Amino acid sequence: MTYAPHQQRVVDEKTELDDKRTKLKAFIEGNAIFAGLPEEEKERLVRQHSCMTEYSEILGERIAAFTA
């Protein structure tokens, strides 16, 4: 599908965000460095992932509305 330039920016933003979110999740779930972090920092990273997930969902809703 071809999007208007302002819509394509949203699609690109979601793609980039999802890539970062996937990498953060992998870091949280299976990384010795994460395991060694202070509990407060672990909590911040988990919260960051949660916010990124919500943000991605919103961008997905916006993209879906482009085709509606």
PDB file of N, CA and C in Angstrom:
ATOM      1  N   MET A   1       0.843  -1.184   0.000  1.00  0.00           N
ATOM      2  CA  MET A   1       0.000   0.000   0.000  1.00  0.00           C
ATOM      3  C   MET A   1       0.885   1.243   0.000  1.00  0.00           C
ATOM      4  N   THR A   2       0.451   2.237  -0.703  1.00  0.00           N
ATOM      5  CA  THR A   2       1.161   3.504  -0.751  1.00  0.00           C
ATOM      6  C   THR A   2       0.491   4.487   0.198  1.00  0.00           C
ATOM      7  N   TYR A   3       1.293   5.102   1.038  1.00  0.00           N
ATOM      8  CA  TYR A   3       0.785   6.066   2.021  1.00  0.00           C
ATOM      9  C   TYR A   3       1.231   7.467   1.643  1.00  0.00           C
ATOM     10  N   ALA A   4       0.462   8.441   2.105  1.00  0.00           N
ATOM     11  CA  ALA A   4       0.876   9.839   1.996  1.00  0.00           C
ATOM     12  C   ALA A   4       2.124  10.007   2.866  1.00  0.00           C
ATOM     13  N   PRO A   5       2.955  11.007   2.571  1.00  0.00           N
ATOM     14  CA  PRO A   5       4.207  11.167   3.327  1.00  0.00           C
ATOM     15  C   PRO A   5       4.028  11.210   4.843  1.00  0.00           C
ATOM     16  N   HIS A   6       3.013  11.921   5.320  1.00  0.00           N
ATOM     17  CA  HIS A   6       2.816  12.006   6.766  1.00  0.00           C
ATOM     18  C   HIS A   6       2.382  10.652   7.342  1.00  0.00           C
ATOM     19  N   GLN A   7       1.679   9.849   6.559  1.00  0.00           N
ATOM     20  CA  GLN A   7       1.282   8.518   7.003  1.00  0.00           C
ATOM     21  C   GLN A   7       2.482   7.571   6.989  1.00  0.00           C
ATOM     22  N   GLN A   8       3.316   7.689   5.982  1.00  0.00           N
ATOM     23  CA  GLN A   8       4.498   6.841   5.895  1.00  0.00           C
ATOM     24  C   GLN A   8       5.417   7.066   7.083  1.00  0.00           C
ATOM     25  N   ARG A   9       5.487   8.309   7.563  1.00  0.00           N
ATOM     26  CA  ARG A   9       6.309   8.590   8.743  1.00  0.00           C
ATOM     27  C   ARG A   9       5.797   7.817   9.949  1.00  0.00           C
ATOM     28  N   VAL A  10       4.482   7.694  10.072  1.00  0.00           N
ATOM     29  CA  VAL A  10       3.900   6.928  11.181  1.00  0.00           C
ATOM     30  C   VAL A  10       4.245   5.443  11.028  1.00  0.00           C
ATOM     31  N   VAL A  11       4.133   4.922   9.815  1.00  0.00           N
ATOM     32  CA  VAL A  11       4.478   3.520   9.547  1.00  0.00           C
ATOM     33  C   VAL A  11       5.955   3.280   9.878  1.00  0.00           C
ATOM     34  N   ASP A  12       6.821   4.167   9.443  1.00  0.00           N
ATOM     35  CA  ASP A  12       8.252   4.031   9.711  1.00  0.00           C
ATOM     36  C   ASP A  12       8.536   4.122  11.210  1.00  0.00           C
ATOM     37  N   GLU A  13       7.867   5.025  11.888  1.00  0.00           N
ATOM     38  CA  GLU A  13       8.051   5.184  13.330  1.00  0.00           C
ATOM     39  C   GLU A  13       7.670   3.896  14.063  1.00  0.00           C
ATOM     40  N   LYS A  14       6.555   3.290  13.661  1.00  0.00           N
ATOM     41  CA  LYS A  14       6.124   2.038  14.297  1.00  0.00           C
ATOM     42  C   LYS A  14       7.122   0.920  14.024  1.00  0.00           C
ATOM     43  N   THR A  15       7.625   0.850  12.809  1.00  0.00           N
ATOM     44  CA  THR A  15       8.609  -0.174  12.462  1.00  0.00           C
ATOM     45  C   THR A  15       9.860  -0.033  13.328  1.00  0.00           C
ATOM     46  N   GLU A  16      10.354   1.182  13.466  1.00  0.00           N
ATOM     47  CA  GLU A  16      11.543   1.434  14.279  1.00  0.00           C
ATOM     48  C   GLU A  16      11.270   1.141  15.755  1.00  0.00           C
ATOM     49  N   LEU A  17      10.116   1.574  16.233  1.00  0.00           N
ATOM     50  CA  LEU A  17       9.745   1.343  17.625  1.00  0.00           C
ATOM     51  C   LEU A  17       9.644  -0.151  17.912  1.00  0.00           C
ATOM     52  N   ASP A  18       9.005  -0.888  17.020  1.00  0.00           N
ATOM     53  CA  ASP A  18       8.850  -2.329  17.232  1.00  0.00           C
ATOM     54  C   ASP A  18      10.198  -3.040  17.246  1.00  0.00           C
ATOM     55  N   ASP A  19      11.132  -2.590  16.440  1.00  0.00           N
ATOM     56  CA  ASP A  19      12.475  -3.172  16.445  1.00  0.00           C
ATOM     57  C   ASP A  19      13.150  -2.927  17.799  1.00  0.00           C
ATOM     58  N   LYS A  20      13.075  -1.709  18.290  1.00  0.00           N
ATOM     59  CA  LYS A  20      13.668  -1.377  19.586  1.00  0.00           C
ATOM     60  C   LYS A  20      12.977  -2.141  20.712  1.00  0.00           C
ATOM     61  N   ARG A  21      11.671  -2.267  20.622  1.00  0.00           N
ATOM     62  CA  ARG A  21      10.892  -2.975  21.636  1.00  0.00           C
ATOM     63  C   ARG A  21      11.266  -4.454  21.675  1.00  0.00           C
ATOM     64  N   THR A  22      11.447  -5.061  20.515  1.00  0.00           N
ATOM     65  CA  THR A  22      11.847  -6.462  20.435  1.00  0.00           C
ATOM     66  C   THR A  22      13.222  -6.664  21.066  1.00  0.00           C
ATOM     67  N   LYS A  23      14.129  -5.754  20.784  1.00  0.00           N
ATOM     68  CA  LYS A  23      15.477  -5.856  21.356  1.00  0.00           C
ATOM     69  C   LYS A  23      15.459  -5.655  22.867  1.00  0.00           C
ATOM     70  N   LEU A  24      14.650  -4.731  23.338  1.00  0.00           N
ATOM     71  CA  LEU A  24      14.544  -4.511  24.776  1.00  0.00           C
ATOM     72  C   LEU A  24      13.962  -5.744  25.460  1.00  0.00           C
ATOM     73  N   LYS A  25      12.946  -6.347  24.863  1.00  0.00           N
ATOM     74  CA  LYS A  25      12.342  -7.545  25.444  1.00  0.00           C
ATOM     75  C   LYS A  25      13.370  -8.672  25.529  1.00  0.00           C
ATOM     76  N   ALA A  26      14.166  -8.844  24.498  1.00  0.00           N
ATOM     77  CA  ALA A  26      15.207  -9.871  24.507  1.00  0.00           C
ATOM     78  C   ALA A  26      16.232  -9.586  25.607  1.00  0.00           C
ATOM     79  N   PHE A  27      16.567  -8.334  25.791  1.00  0.00           N
ATOM     80  CA  PHE A  27      17.506  -7.944  26.847  1.00  0.00           C
ATOM     81  C   PHE A  27      16.925  -8.277  28.212  1.00  0.00           C
ATOM     82  N   ILE A  28      15.662  -7.966  28.408  1.00  0.00           N
ATOM     83  CA  ILE A  28      14.996  -8.221  29.690  1.00  0.00           C
ATOM     84  C   ILE A  28      14.884  -9.716  29.965  1.00  0.00           C
ATOM     85  N   GLU A  29      14.561 -10.484  28.954  1.00  0.00           N
ATOM     86  CA  GLU A  29      14.238 -11.894  29.166  1.00  0.00           C
ATOM     87  C   GLU A  29      15.443 -12.823  29.217  1.00  0.00           C
ATOM     88  N   GLY A  30      16.533 -12.459  28.617  1.00  0.00           N
ATOM     89  CA  GLY A  30      17.598 -13.448  28.559  1.00  0.00           C
ATOM     90  C   GLY A  30      18.995 -12.888  28.579  1.00  0.00           C
ATOM     91  N   ASN A  31      19.234 -11.904  29.398  1.00  0.00           N
ATOM     92  CA  ASN A  31      20.541 -11.277  29.374  1.00  0.00           C
ATOM     93  C   ASN A  31      21.122 -11.236  30.783  1.00  0.00           C
ATOM     94  N   ALA A  32      22.343 -11.698  30.925  1.00  0.00           N
ATOM     95  CA  ALA A  32      23.005 -11.702  32.230  1.00  0.00           C
ATOM     96  C   ALA A  32      23.218 -10.285  32.757  1.00  0.00           C
ATOM     97  N   ILE A  33      23.421  -9.346  31.867  1.00  0.00           N
ATOM     98  CA  ILE A  33      23.593  -7.952  32.311  1.00  0.00           C
ATOM     99  C   ILE A  33      22.319  -7.472  32.998  1.00  0.00           C
ATOM    100  N   PHE A  34      21.156  -7.748  32.379  1.00  0.00           N
ATOM    101  CA  PHE A  34      19.890  -7.356  32.996  1.00  0.00           C
ATOM    102  C   PHE A  34      19.749  -7.986  34.374  1.00  0.00           C
ATOM    103  N   ALA A  35      20.071  -9.258  34.475  1.00  0.00           N
ATOM    104  CA  ALA A  35      19.934  -9.970  35.751  1.00  0.00           C
ATOM    105  C   ALA A  35      20.774  -9.328  36.846  1.00  0.00           C
ATOM    106  N   GLY A  36      21.897  -8.718  36.475  1.00  0.00           N
ATOM    107  CA  GLY A  36      22.785  -8.106  37.453  1.00  0.00           C
ATOM    108  C   GLY A  36      22.477  -6.659  37.792  1.00  0.00           C
ATOM    109  N   LEU A  37      21.475  -6.090  37.138  1.00  0.00           N
ATOM    110  CA  LEU A  37      21.130  -4.688  37.392  1.00  0.00           C
ATOM    111  C   LEU A  37      20.401  -4.537  38.724  1.00  0.00           C
ATOM    112  N   PRO A  38      20.481  -3.353  39.311  1.00  0.00           N
ATOM    113  CA  PRO A  38      19.698  -3.095  40.518  1.00  0.00           C
ATOM    114  C   PRO A  38      18.196  -3.245  40.214  1.00  0.00           C
ATOM    115  N   GLU A  39      17.447  -3.660  41.210  1.00  0.00           N
ATOM    116  CA  GLU A  39      16.014  -3.890  41.021  1.00  0.00           C
ATOM    117  C   GLU A  39      15.287  -2.662  40.483  1.00  0.00           C
ATOM    118  N   GLU A  40      15.684  -1.473  40.936  1.00  0.00           N
ATOM    119  CA  GLU A  40      15.020  -0.247  40.480  1.00  0.00           C
ATOM    120  C   GLU A  40      15.208  -0.041  38.981  1.00  0.00           C
ATOM    121  N   GLU A  41      16.410  -0.360  38.493  1.00  0.00           N
ATOM    122  CA  GLU A  41      16.671  -0.205  37.059  1.00  0.00           C
ATOM    123  C   GLU A  41      15.923  -1.263  36.259  1.00  0.00           C
ATOM    124  N   LYS A  42      15.855  -2.473  36.769  1.00  0.00           N
ATOM    125  CA  LYS A  42      15.076  -3.512  36.100  1.00  0.00           C
ATOM    126  C   LYS A  42      13.624  -3.075  35.962  1.00  0.00           C
ATOM    127  N   GLU A  43      13.092  -2.523  37.039  1.00  0.00           N
ATOM    128  CA  GLU A  43      11.700  -2.060  37.013  1.00  0.00           C
ATOM    129  C   GLU A  43      11.503  -0.965  35.968  1.00  0.00           C
ATOM    130  N   ARG A  44      12.446  -0.039  35.887  1.00  0.00           N
ATOM    131  CA  ARG A  44      12.329   1.036  34.891  1.00  0.00           C
ATOM    132  C   ARG A  44      12.341   0.467  33.480  1.00  0.00           C
ATOM    133  N   LEU A  45      13.199  -0.511  33.223  1.00  0.00           N
ATOM    134  CA  LEU A  45      13.261  -1.112  31.890  1.00  0.00           C
ATOM    135  C   LEU A  45      11.974  -1.866  31.549  1.00  0.00           C
ATOM    136  N   VAL A  46      11.423  -2.563  32.511  1.00  0.00           N
ATOM    137  CA  VAL A  46      10.155  -3.259  32.284  1.00  0.00           C
ATOM    138  C   VAL A  46       9.049  -2.251  32.025  1.00  0.00           C
ATOM    139  N   ARG A  47       9.030  -1.170  32.782  1.00  0.00           N
ATOM    140  CA  ARG A  47       8.023  -0.118  32.555  1.00  0.00           C
ATOM    141  C   ARG A  47       8.217   0.520  31.189  1.00  0.00           C
ATOM    142  N   GLN A  48       9.475   0.737  30.794  1.00  0.00           N
ATOM    143  CA  GLN A  48       9.762   1.307  29.474  1.00  0.00           C
ATOM    144  C   GLN A  48       9.197   0.399  28.390  1.00  0.00           C
ATOM    145  N   HIS A  49       9.412  -0.902  28.520  1.00  0.00           N
ATOM    146  CA  HIS A  49       8.891  -1.848  27.530  1.00  0.00           C
ATOM    147  C   HIS A  49       7.370  -1.780  27.469  1.00  0.00           C
ATOM    148  N   SER A  50       6.743  -1.673  28.621  1.00  0.00           N
ATOM    149  CA  SER A  50       5.279  -1.575  28.669  1.00  0.00           C
ATOM    150  C   SER A  50       4.786  -0.320  27.945  1.00  0.00           C
ATOM    151  N   CYS A  51       5.444   0.792  28.189  1.00  0.00           N
ATOM    152  CA  CYS A  51       5.060   2.043  27.516  1.00  0.00           C
ATOM    153  C   CYS A  51       5.291   1.951  26.012  1.00  0.00           C
ATOM    154  N   MET A  52       6.396   1.336  25.616  1.00  0.00           N
ATOM    155  CA  MET A  52       6.682   1.169  24.195  1.00  0.00           C
ATOM    156  C   MET A  52       5.611   0.305  23.530  1.00  0.00           C
ATOM    157  N   THR A  53       5.145  -0.717  24.249  1.00  0.00           N
ATOM    158  CA  THR A  53       4.105  -1.587  23.719  1.00  0.00           C
ATOM    159  C   THR A  53       2.811  -0.814  23.519  1.00  0.00           C
ATOM    160  N   GLU A  54       2.437  -0.019  24.496  1.00  0.00           N
ATOM    161  CA  GLU A  54       1.217   0.783  24.366  1.00  0.00           C
ATOM    162  C   GLU A  54       1.347   1.783  23.217  1.00  0.00           C
ATOM    163  N   TYR A  55       2.493   2.421  23.105  1.00  0.00           N
ATOM    164  CA  TYR A  55       2.750   3.379  22.037  1.00  0.00           C
ATOM    165  C   TYR A  55       2.639   2.690  20.675  1.00  0.00           C
ATOM    166  N   SER A  56       3.201   1.484  20.567  1.00  0.00           N
ATOM    167  CA  SER A  56       3.130   0.726  19.322  1.00  0.00           C
ATOM    168  C   SER A  56       1.676   0.403  18.964  1.00  0.00           C
ATOM    169  N   GLU A  57       0.900   0.040  19.968  1.00  0.00           N
ATOM    170  CA  GLU A  57      -0.516  -0.268  19.729  1.00  0.00           C
ATOM    171  C   GLU A  57      -1.261   0.963  19.208  1.00  0.00           C
ATOM    172  N   ILE A  58      -0.965   2.112  19.771  1.00  0.00           N
ATOM    173  CA  ILE A  58      -1.603   3.355  19.314  1.00  0.00           C
ATOM    174  C   ILE A  58      -1.215   3.647  17.867  1.00  0.00           C
ATOM    175  N   LEU A  59       0.069   3.507  17.558  1.00  0.00           N
ATOM    176  CA  LEU A  59       0.508   3.727  16.177  1.00  0.00           C
ATOM    177  C   LEU A  59      -0.183   2.740  15.240  1.00  0.00           C
ATOM    178  N   GLY A  60      -0.337   1.494  15.674  1.00  0.00           N
ATOM    179  CA  GLY A  60      -1.044   0.498  14.867  1.00  0.00           C
ATOM    180  C   GLY A  60      -2.481   0.889  14.605  1.00  0.00           C
ATOM    181  N   GLU A  61      -3.142   1.431  15.607  1.00  0.00           N
ATOM    182  CA  GLU A  61      -4.515   1.909  15.444  1.00  0.00           C
ATOM    183  C   GLU A  61      -4.576   3.045  14.435  1.00  0.00           C
ATOM    184  N   ARG A  62      -3.600   3.936  14.520  1.00  0.00           N
ATOM    185  CA  ARG A  62      -3.562   5.058  13.576  1.00  0.00           C
ATOM    186  C   ARG A  62      -3.370   4.555  12.154  1.00  0.00           C
ATOM    187  N   ILE A  63      -2.456   3.592  11.989  1.00  0.00           N
ATOM    188  CA  ILE A  63      -2.211   3.042  10.649  1.00  0.00           C
ATOM    189  C   ILE A  63      -3.447   2.342  10.130  1.00  0.00           C
ATOM    190  N   ALA A  64      -4.118   1.592  10.979  1.00  0.00           N
ATOM    191  CA  ALA A  64      -5.347   0.913  10.563  1.00  0.00           C
ATOM    192  C   ALA A  64      -6.396   1.923  10.104  1.00  0.00           C
ATOM    193  N   ALA A  65      -6.420   3.071  10.742  1.00  0.00           N
ATOM    194  CA  ALA A  65      -7.389   4.102  10.369  1.00  0.00           C
ATOM    195  C   ALA A  65      -7.066   4.734   9.012  1.00  0.00           C
ATOM    196  N   PHE A  66      -5.809   4.647   8.591  1.00  0.00           N
ATOM    197  CA  PHE A  66      -5.441   5.184   7.277  1.00  0.00           C
ATOM    198  C   PHE A  66      -6.203   4.460   6.166  1.00  0.00           C
ATOM    199  N   THR A  67      -6.452   3.184   6.362  1.00  0.00           N
ATOM    200  CA  THR A  67      -7.078   2.369   5.317  1.00  0.00           C
ATOM    201  C   THR A  67      -8.584   2.239   5.498  1.00  0.00           C
ATOM    202  N   ALA A  68      -9.093   2.809   6.579  1.00  0.00           N
ATOM    203  CA  ALA A  68     -10.536   2.691   6.844  1.00  0.00           C
ATOM    204  C   ALA A  68     -11.342   3.629   5.966  1.00  0.00           C
TER     205      ALA A  68
END
